[in-house]
Amino acid sequence: GFASGSMGHEIDFALIAEDIIGFLDAAPDRQLVIMGHFDETLLPEPLRGRVESHKFSSYEAYLETLSTVDCAVMPLTDDAFNRCKSGVRVIDAAAVAVPSLVGTVSDMAQMVSDQNTGFVIPKGESWRAALDTLAQDRALVTQMGQAARQSLLKNWTARTTLPVVEQAVIDWVQKG
């Protein structure tokens, strides 16, 4: 699945369009799920008609749709704006136990444990290889999704018990 929370992410998707086309062409039952803002007239011709589209709506509806995909693809063009983007889309995917495929632009690459909670795809490398790996191993999709959720709960969730700050940080602050 590909999610876009604002206008203009068609340029990001274009980075992986050929890999997506090749992946979809390899099996007739595959399709691309696009969530949010996306001008489908900008899709390459081979992808038109192979897309399940969900227009931008509520956060709850987005998460519900996201939970139905096998993985979330998150390419970003390398520019100043995207280098400052947070990993919130990785958090969204992990919350619903979906592995993330990310590039190396932005904080997303730091939030994905490569080949554990998803795949970090270096610039110029094939996104299709990661997609093929997941398509060939349904158990791996589930395992990575569960690992992503566990990582989110362990590393990216606020504590609900005291102390909310590690003792080492408290000691450091008190030493001045």
Protein backbone atom coordinates (compact mmCIF):
# COMPACT_ATOMS: atom_id res chain seq x y z
CA GLY A 1 0.00 0.00 0.00
CA PHE A 2 1.05 3.58 -0.69
CA ALA A 3 -0.30 6.37 1.52
CA SER A 4 -0.23 10.10 0.88
CA GLY A 5 -1.40 12.53 3.51
CA SER A 6 -0.92 15.59 1.31
CA MET A 7 -0.82 16.62 -2.33
CA GLY A 8 2.32 16.10 -4.38
CA HIS A 9 3.51 12.61 -3.44
CA GLU A 10 3.06 11.39 -7.01
CA ILE A 11 6.69 12.41 -7.59
CA ASP A 12 7.75 10.14 -4.72
CA PHE A 13 5.74 7.22 -6.09
CA ALA A 14 7.32 7.73 -9.52
CA LEU A 15 10.64 6.60 -7.99
CA ILE A 16 9.31 3.06 -7.61
CA ALA A 17 6.67 2.92 -10.35
CA GLU A 18 8.66 0.57 -12.60
CA ASP A 19 9.34 -1.81 -9.70
CA ILE A 20 5.63 -1.79 -8.82
CA ILE A 21 4.66 -2.47 -12.44
CA GLY A 22 7.06 -5.42 -12.63
CA PHE A 23 5.83 -6.77 -9.31
CA LEU A 24 2.15 -6.53 -10.27
CA ASP A 25 2.79 -8.02 -13.72
CA ALA A 26 4.37 -11.12 -12.11
CA ALA A 27 1.02 -12.36 -10.74
CA PRO A 28 -2.54 -11.54 -11.83
CA ASP A 29 -3.93 -11.41 -8.28
CA ARG A 30 -1.68 -8.53 -7.18
CA GLN A 31 -2.87 -4.96 -6.93
CA LEU A 32 -1.72 -1.64 -5.57
CA VAL A 33 -3.66 0.05 -2.77
CA ILE A 34 -3.34 3.84 -2.74
CA MET A 35 -4.61 5.72 0.28
CA GLY A 36 -5.10 9.46 0.59
CA HIS A 37 -4.30 12.25 -1.84
CA PHE A 38 -3.11 10.98 -5.22
CA ASP A 39 -3.77 12.12 -8.78
CA GLU A 40 -4.26 8.77 -10.48
CA THR A 41 -4.04 10.38 -13.91
CA LEU A 42 -0.29 10.65 -13.19
CA LEU A 43 0.07 6.89 -12.79
CA PRO A 44 1.90 5.10 -15.60
CA GLU A 45 -0.57 3.48 -18.02
CA PRO A 46 0.27 -0.11 -16.96
CA LEU A 47 -0.87 0.66 -13.39
CA ARG A 48 -4.23 2.18 -14.26
CA GLY A 49 -6.96 -0.32 -13.56
CA ARG A 50 -4.73 -2.22 -11.11
CA VAL A 51 -5.24 0.20 -8.25
CA GLU A 52 -7.62 0.06 -5.33
CA SER A 53 -8.03 3.68 -4.33
CA HIS A 54 -9.13 5.08 -0.98
CA LYS A 55 -9.52 8.85 -0.92
CA PHE A 56 -8.30 10.91 2.02
CA SER A 57 -10.76 10.60 4.90
CA SER A 58 -10.50 9.96 8.62
CA TYR A 59 -7.42 8.65 10.41
CA GLU A 60 -9.43 5.65 11.61
CA ALA A 61 -10.46 4.76 8.03
CA TYR A 62 -6.85 5.14 6.89
CA LEU A 63 -5.59 2.76 9.59
CA GLU A 64 -8.35 0.28 8.80
CA THR A 65 -7.37 0.24 5.12
CA LEU A 66 -3.66 0.17 5.96
CA SER A 67 -4.23 -2.90 8.12
CA THR A 68 -5.42 -4.82 5.03
CA VAL A 69 -2.24 -4.45 2.96
CA ASP A 70 0.76 -6.78 2.99
CA CYS A 71 3.29 -3.96 3.29
CA ALA A 72 3.53 -0.19 3.17
CA VAL A 73 5.84 1.33 0.55
CA MET A 74 7.26 4.74 1.45
CA PRO A 75 9.57 6.15 -1.22
CA LEU A 76 10.69 9.77 -0.92
CA THR A 77 12.52 11.93 -3.42
CA ASP A 78 15.77 13.26 -2.01
CA ASP A 79 15.15 16.94 -1.34
CA ALA A 80 15.46 19.30 1.62
CA PHE A 81 11.79 18.98 2.55
CA ASN A 82 11.72 15.18 2.54
CA ARG A 83 15.01 14.89 4.43
CA CYS A 84 13.18 16.58 7.35
CA LYS A 85 10.17 14.25 7.31
CA SER A 86 9.37 12.22 10.36
CA GLY A 87 8.75 8.50 10.48
CA VAL A 88 5.05 8.86 11.29
CA ARG A 89 4.04 6.62 8.36
CA VAL A 90 6.28 3.86 9.76
CA ILE A 91 4.55 4.32 13.12
CA ASP A 92 1.15 4.06 11.42
CA ALA A 93 2.11 0.83 9.66
CA ALA A 94 3.65 -0.68 12.78
CA ALA A 95 0.52 0.18 14.79
CA VAL A 96 -1.48 -2.15 12.55
CA ALA A 97 1.31 -4.78 12.25
CA VAL A 98 2.27 -4.00 8.65
CA PRO A 99 5.94 -4.10 7.58
CA SER A 100 7.37 -0.95 5.98
CA LEU A 101 9.52 -0.62 2.88
CA VAL A 102 11.42 2.66 3.06
CA GLY A 103 14.24 4.44 1.31
CA THR A 104 17.12 6.21 2.99
CA VAL A 105 15.66 9.72 2.86
CA SER A 106 14.21 11.01 6.18
CA ASP A 107 14.02 9.42 9.62
CA MET A 108 12.03 6.46 8.34
CA ALA A 109 15.20 4.44 7.65
CA GLN A 110 16.19 4.79 11.31
CA MET A 111 12.82 3.45 12.42
CA VAL A 112 12.85 0.29 10.30
CA SER A 113 15.05 -2.61 11.32
CA ASP A 114 16.12 -3.90 7.90
CA GLN A 115 14.86 -7.44 7.23
CA ASN A 116 13.25 -7.53 10.68
CA THR A 117 10.42 -4.96 10.74
CA GLY A 118 10.58 -4.21 7.03
CA PHE A 119 13.17 -3.31 4.43
CA VAL A 120 15.41 -0.27 4.03
CA ILE A 121 16.12 0.08 0.32
CA PRO A 122 19.26 2.06 -0.56
CA LYS A 123 19.08 4.67 -3.31
CA GLY A 124 19.23 3.03 -6.71
CA GLU A 125 18.36 -0.45 -5.41
CA SER A 126 15.28 -2.41 -6.43
CA TRP A 127 12.11 -2.16 -4.38
CA ARG A 128 10.81 -5.14 -6.33
CA ALA A 129 13.24 -7.53 -4.65
CA ALA A 130 11.74 -6.69 -1.24
CA LEU A 131 8.20 -6.96 -2.61
CA ASP A 132 8.99 -10.34 -4.18
CA THR A 133 10.48 -11.58 -0.90
CA LEU A 134 7.29 -10.72 0.97
CA ALA A 135 5.00 -12.09 -1.75
CA GLN A 136 6.78 -15.45 -1.63
CA ASP A 137 6.57 -15.81 2.15
CA ARG A 138 3.27 -14.97 3.86
CA ALA A 139 4.70 -16.08 7.21
CA LEU A 140 7.47 -13.50 6.80
CA VAL A 141 4.88 -10.75 6.20
CA THR A 142 3.16 -11.68 9.46
CA GLN A 143 6.45 -12.06 11.34
CA MET A 144 7.76 -8.67 10.17
CA GLY A 145 4.44 -6.99 10.90
CA GLN A 146 4.39 -8.38 14.42
CA ALA A 147 8.04 -7.41 14.95
CA ALA A 148 7.21 -3.87 13.76
CA ARG A 149 4.33 -3.66 16.23
CA GLN A 150 6.48 -4.97 19.09
CA SER A 151 9.22 -2.47 18.21
CA LEU A 152 6.65 0.33 18.23
CA LEU A 153 5.34 -0.70 21.63
CA LYS A 154 8.83 -1.10 23.08
CA ASN A 155 10.64 1.87 21.54
CA TRP A 156 8.09 4.44 20.42
CA THR A 157 5.29 4.35 22.98
CA ALA A 158 5.11 6.62 26.02
CA ARG A 159 5.47 4.87 29.34
CA THR A 160 2.36 4.44 31.39
CA THR A 161 4.24 3.74 34.62
CA LEU A 162 6.67 5.85 36.60
CA PRO A 163 9.36 6.90 36.03
CA VAL A 164 8.72 8.23 32.53
CA VAL A 165 12.40 9.19 32.29
CA GLU A 166 15.24 6.68 32.58
CA GLN A 167 17.11 6.86 35.89
CA ALA A 168 20.40 7.47 34.02
CA VAL A 169 18.94 10.66 32.53
CA ILE A 170 17.71 11.83 35.95
CA ASP A 171 21.18 11.16 37.43
CA TRP A 172 22.85 13.07 34.59
CA VAL A 173 20.56 16.09 35.03
CA GLN A 174 21.06 16.15 38.79
CA LYS A 175 24.86 16.13 38.39
CA GLY A 176 24.49 19.36 36.45
